[in-house]
N, C-alpha and C. Protein backbone atom coordinates (compact mmCIF):
# COMPACT_ATOMS: atom_id res chain seq x y z
N MET A 1 -190.33 -144.48 77.76
CA MET A 1 -191.62 -145.02 78.35
C MET A 1 -192.16 -146.21 77.59
N PHE A 2 -192.76 -147.00 78.18
CA PHE A 2 -193.69 -148.09 77.54
C PHE A 2 -195.13 -147.85 77.65
N SER A 3 -195.82 -147.99 76.47
CA SER A 3 -197.19 -147.81 76.48
C SER A 3 -197.94 -148.57 75.52
N ARG A 4 -199.05 -149.02 75.53
CA ARG A 4 -199.88 -149.59 74.60
C ARG A 4 -200.51 -148.54 73.79
N GLN A 5 -200.49 -147.33 74.18
CA GLN A 5 -201.20 -146.25 73.59
C GLN A 5 -200.04 -145.50 72.68
N PRO A 6 -200.57 -144.75 71.62
CA PRO A 6 -199.62 -143.89 70.99
C PRO A 6 -198.89 -142.93 71.75
N ILE A 7 -197.50 -142.79 71.51
CA ILE A 7 -196.83 -141.99 72.19
C ILE A 7 -195.91 -141.22 71.03
N PRO A 8 -196.10 -139.92 70.91
CA PRO A 8 -196.85 -138.88 71.57
C PRO A 8 -198.28 -138.98 71.11
N TYR A 9 -199.23 -138.65 72.00
CA TYR A 9 -200.76 -138.55 71.70
C TYR A 9 -200.93 -137.46 70.74
N PRO A 10 -201.54 -137.86 69.73
CA PRO A 10 -201.82 -136.85 68.57
C PRO A 10 -202.83 -135.79 68.84
N ARG A 11 -202.55 -134.83 69.57
CA ARG A 11 -203.54 -133.73 70.05
C ARG A 11 -204.09 -132.87 68.77
N SER A 12 -203.20 -132.66 67.86
CA SER A 12 -203.50 -132.02 66.73
C SER A 12 -202.41 -132.36 65.53
N GLY A 13 -202.88 -132.32 64.34
CA GLY A 13 -201.97 -132.62 63.22
C GLY A 13 -201.38 -134.01 63.06
N GLN A 14 -200.73 -134.34 62.14
CA GLN A 14 -200.19 -135.72 61.79
C GLN A 14 -199.02 -135.90 62.61
N VAL A 15 -198.96 -137.23 63.04
CA VAL A 15 -197.78 -137.70 63.75
C VAL A 15 -197.33 -139.00 63.19
N THR A 16 -196.03 -139.14 62.85
CA THR A 16 -195.42 -140.39 62.41
C THR A 16 -195.04 -141.21 63.45
N TYR A 17 -195.53 -142.43 63.49
CA TYR A 17 -195.19 -143.43 64.67
C TYR A 17 -194.08 -144.56 63.95
N LEU A 18 -193.29 -145.01 64.86
CA LEU A 18 -192.27 -145.96 64.85
C LEU A 18 -192.72 -147.06 65.42
N ARG A 19 -192.52 -148.48 64.76
CA ARG A 19 -192.73 -149.62 65.48
C ARG A 19 -191.46 -149.92 66.52
N GLN A 20 -191.82 -150.75 67.43
CA GLN A 20 -190.88 -151.05 68.52
C GLN A 20 -191.08 -152.62 68.69
N LEU A 21 -189.80 -153.29 68.62
CA LEU A 21 -189.85 -154.63 68.81
C LEU A 21 -188.75 -154.74 70.19
N GLY A 22 -189.47 -155.49 71.21
CA GLY A 22 -188.61 -155.51 72.24
C GLY A 22 -188.16 -156.84 72.69
N PHE A 23 -186.89 -157.17 73.03
CA PHE A 23 -186.33 -158.37 73.41
C PHE A 23 -185.84 -158.15 74.78
N TYR A 24 -186.38 -159.03 75.75
CA TYR A 24 -185.99 -158.92 77.06
C TYR A 24 -184.93 -160.12 77.29
N ALA A 25 -183.99 -159.80 78.09
CA ALA A 25 -182.98 -160.81 78.60
C ALA A 25 -182.81 -160.62 80.11
N PHE A 26 -183.00 -161.82 80.75
CA PHE A 26 -182.77 -161.80 82.15
C PHE A 26 -181.80 -162.89 82.60
N THR A 27 -180.95 -162.75 83.72
CA THR A 27 -180.27 -163.89 84.27
C THR A 27 -181.40 -164.55 85.14
N LYS A 28 -181.16 -165.70 85.67
CA LYS A 28 -182.01 -166.47 86.39
C LYS A 28 -182.29 -165.58 87.80
N GLU A 29 -181.30 -165.01 88.35
CA GLU A 29 -181.51 -164.07 89.56
C GLU A 29 -182.37 -162.99 89.25
N GLU A 30 -182.17 -162.23 88.04
CA GLU A 30 -182.97 -161.01 87.78
C GLU A 30 -184.36 -161.51 87.51
N LEU A 31 -184.64 -162.59 86.89
CA LEU A 31 -186.00 -163.15 86.64
C LEU A 31 -186.72 -163.48 88.05
N ASP A 32 -186.09 -164.17 88.91
CA ASP A 32 -186.39 -164.40 90.29
C ASP A 32 -186.86 -163.16 90.80
N ALA A 33 -185.98 -162.18 90.89
CA ALA A 33 -186.33 -160.88 91.58
C ALA A 33 -187.45 -160.04 90.81
N PHE A 34 -187.64 -160.15 89.61
CA PHE A 34 -188.60 -159.66 88.89
C PHE A 34 -189.99 -160.23 89.21
N ARG A 35 -190.10 -161.49 89.38
CA ARG A 35 -191.29 -162.23 89.75
C ARG A 35 -191.72 -161.89 90.93
N ASN A 36 -190.92 -161.59 91.82
CA ASN A 36 -191.32 -161.20 93.34
C ASN A 36 -191.70 -159.89 93.51
N LEU A 37 -191.66 -158.93 92.38
CA LEU A 37 -191.99 -157.56 92.69
C LEU A 37 -193.54 -157.52 92.45
N GLU A 38 -194.23 -156.65 93.24
CA GLU A 38 -195.58 -156.44 93.24
C GLU A 38 -195.82 -155.55 91.76
N GLN A 39 -196.92 -155.76 91.16
CA GLN A 39 -197.35 -155.05 90.02
C GLN A 39 -197.87 -153.67 90.61
N GLY A 40 -197.31 -152.67 89.97
CA GLY A 40 -197.74 -151.33 90.23
C GLY A 40 -198.93 -150.67 89.43
N SER A 41 -199.27 -149.56 89.72
CA SER A 41 -200.51 -149.10 89.11
C SER A 41 -200.23 -148.85 87.64
N LEU A 42 -199.08 -148.38 87.18
CA LEU A 42 -198.88 -148.27 85.76
C LEU A 42 -198.95 -149.59 85.05
N GLU A 43 -198.31 -150.57 85.66
CA GLU A 43 -198.37 -151.89 84.83
C GLU A 43 -199.65 -152.41 84.81
N GLN A 44 -200.54 -152.14 85.90
CA GLN A 44 -201.83 -152.74 85.90
C GLN A 44 -202.76 -152.01 84.74
N ALA A 45 -202.40 -150.68 84.70
CA ALA A 45 -203.24 -149.94 83.81
C ALA A 45 -202.91 -150.12 82.43
N GLU A 46 -201.64 -150.26 82.03
CA GLU A 46 -201.06 -150.40 80.71
C GLU A 46 -200.95 -151.94 80.22
N GLU A 47 -200.93 -152.87 81.21
CA GLU A 47 -200.49 -154.30 80.91
C GLU A 47 -199.20 -154.46 80.33
N VAL A 48 -198.24 -153.62 80.61
CA VAL A 48 -196.77 -153.71 80.16
C VAL A 48 -195.98 -153.94 81.17
N GLU A 49 -195.46 -155.28 81.23
CA GLU A 49 -194.77 -155.93 82.44
C GLU A 49 -193.44 -155.18 82.67
N MET A 50 -192.80 -154.36 81.74
CA MET A 50 -191.57 -153.59 81.87
C MET A 50 -191.76 -152.43 83.02
N LEU A 51 -192.91 -151.92 82.78
CA LEU A 51 -193.26 -150.91 83.84
C LEU A 51 -193.11 -151.22 85.25
N ARG A 52 -193.23 -152.62 85.60
CA ARG A 52 -193.06 -152.93 86.92
C ARG A 52 -191.60 -152.65 87.37
N LEU A 53 -190.53 -152.94 86.45
CA LEU A 53 -189.37 -152.67 86.84
C LEU A 53 -189.05 -151.19 87.05
N LEU A 54 -189.57 -150.44 86.32
CA LEU A 54 -189.37 -148.89 86.30
C LEU A 54 -190.04 -148.35 87.46
N GLU A 55 -191.34 -148.93 87.84
CA GLU A 55 -192.06 -148.40 89.15
C GLU A 55 -191.24 -148.85 90.35
N HIS A 56 -190.44 -149.84 90.28
CA HIS A 56 -189.61 -150.16 91.46
C HIS A 56 -188.21 -149.71 91.44
N GLY A 57 -187.92 -148.66 90.53
CA GLY A 57 -186.75 -147.95 90.46
C GLY A 57 -185.67 -148.79 89.83
N HIS A 58 -185.87 -149.82 88.96
CA HIS A 58 -184.93 -150.69 88.26
C HIS A 58 -184.67 -149.90 86.82
N ARG A 59 -183.52 -150.01 86.35
CA ARG A 59 -183.15 -149.42 85.03
C ARG A 59 -183.41 -150.56 83.96
N VAL A 60 -183.93 -150.05 82.79
CA VAL A 60 -184.13 -150.91 81.58
C VAL A 60 -183.20 -150.45 80.59
N ARG A 61 -182.23 -151.31 80.27
CA ARG A 61 -181.27 -150.88 79.22
C ARG A 61 -181.53 -151.68 78.05
N SER A 62 -181.19 -150.93 76.93
CA SER A 62 -181.48 -151.59 75.50
C SER A 62 -180.05 -151.45 74.74
N PRO A 63 -179.77 -152.54 73.98
CA PRO A 63 -178.47 -152.27 73.36
C PRO A 63 -178.78 -151.36 72.10
N ARG A 64 -177.62 -150.70 71.70
CA ARG A 64 -177.77 -149.73 70.47
C ARG A 64 -177.84 -150.63 69.13
N GLN A 65 -177.42 -151.90 69.12
CA GLN A 65 -177.38 -152.59 67.98
C GLN A 65 -177.57 -153.98 68.30
N LEU A 66 -178.38 -154.76 67.51
CA LEU A 66 -178.67 -156.22 67.60
C LEU A 66 -177.79 -156.86 66.49
N GLY A 67 -176.96 -157.74 67.08
CA GLY A 67 -176.15 -158.64 66.23
C GLY A 67 -175.26 -157.91 65.34
N SER A 68 -175.13 -158.36 64.06
CA SER A 68 -174.20 -157.70 63.04
C SER A 68 -174.86 -156.66 62.40
N PRO A 69 -173.96 -155.93 61.75
CA PRO A 69 -174.66 -154.70 61.07
C PRO A 69 -175.63 -155.07 60.05
N SER A 70 -175.68 -156.32 59.35
CA SER A 70 -176.80 -156.46 58.54
C SER A 70 -178.05 -156.98 59.14
N THR A 71 -177.81 -157.43 60.52
CA THR A 71 -179.28 -157.66 61.25
C THR A 71 -179.60 -156.47 61.68
N HIS A 72 -178.77 -155.47 62.03
CA HIS A 72 -179.31 -154.18 62.49
C HIS A 72 -180.02 -153.51 61.55
N GLN A 73 -179.43 -153.55 60.12
CA GLN A 73 -180.18 -152.87 59.09
C GLN A 73 -181.55 -153.51 58.91
N ARG A 74 -181.73 -154.74 59.00
CA ARG A 74 -183.11 -155.42 58.82
C ARG A 74 -183.90 -155.13 59.91
N THR A 75 -183.66 -154.67 61.06
CA THR A 75 -184.41 -154.43 62.25
C THR A 75 -184.51 -152.98 62.58
N ARG A 76 -184.21 -152.03 61.68
CA ARG A 76 -184.32 -150.69 61.90
C ARG A 76 -185.67 -150.34 62.03
N CYS A 77 -186.05 -149.24 62.69
CA CYS A 77 -187.36 -148.79 62.89
C CYS A 77 -187.93 -148.23 61.67
N ALA A 78 -189.28 -148.58 61.25
CA ALA A 78 -189.87 -148.12 60.21
C ALA A 78 -191.17 -147.49 60.45
N PRO A 79 -191.69 -146.40 59.72
CA PRO A 79 -192.90 -145.57 60.12
C PRO A 79 -194.01 -146.87 59.99
N VAL A 80 -194.87 -146.66 60.96
CA VAL A 80 -196.15 -147.64 61.04
C VAL A 80 -197.19 -147.16 59.85
N PRO A 81 -197.47 -147.96 59.04
CA PRO A 81 -198.52 -147.66 58.09
C PRO A 81 -199.87 -147.13 58.70
N SER A 82 -200.50 -146.10 58.12
CA SER A 82 -201.64 -145.52 58.67
C SER A 82 -202.98 -146.47 58.17
């Protein structure tokens, strides 16, 4: 799920969060189709455009690894400082 708010929401206790860096890649056809989709209520509430795809039943895929192993090592998730 995509959100601008912390996930999970810290109801009690300490939660360790990870950073997310997202790269989007579209073909021209996919981008044209995306632009023609109506914004849904989730996208309007969160202002996260990837929710538009999910609300319209599209899959959002992400690669397991970015580039070479050394690139992947540099881009690994790290806890967000408090």
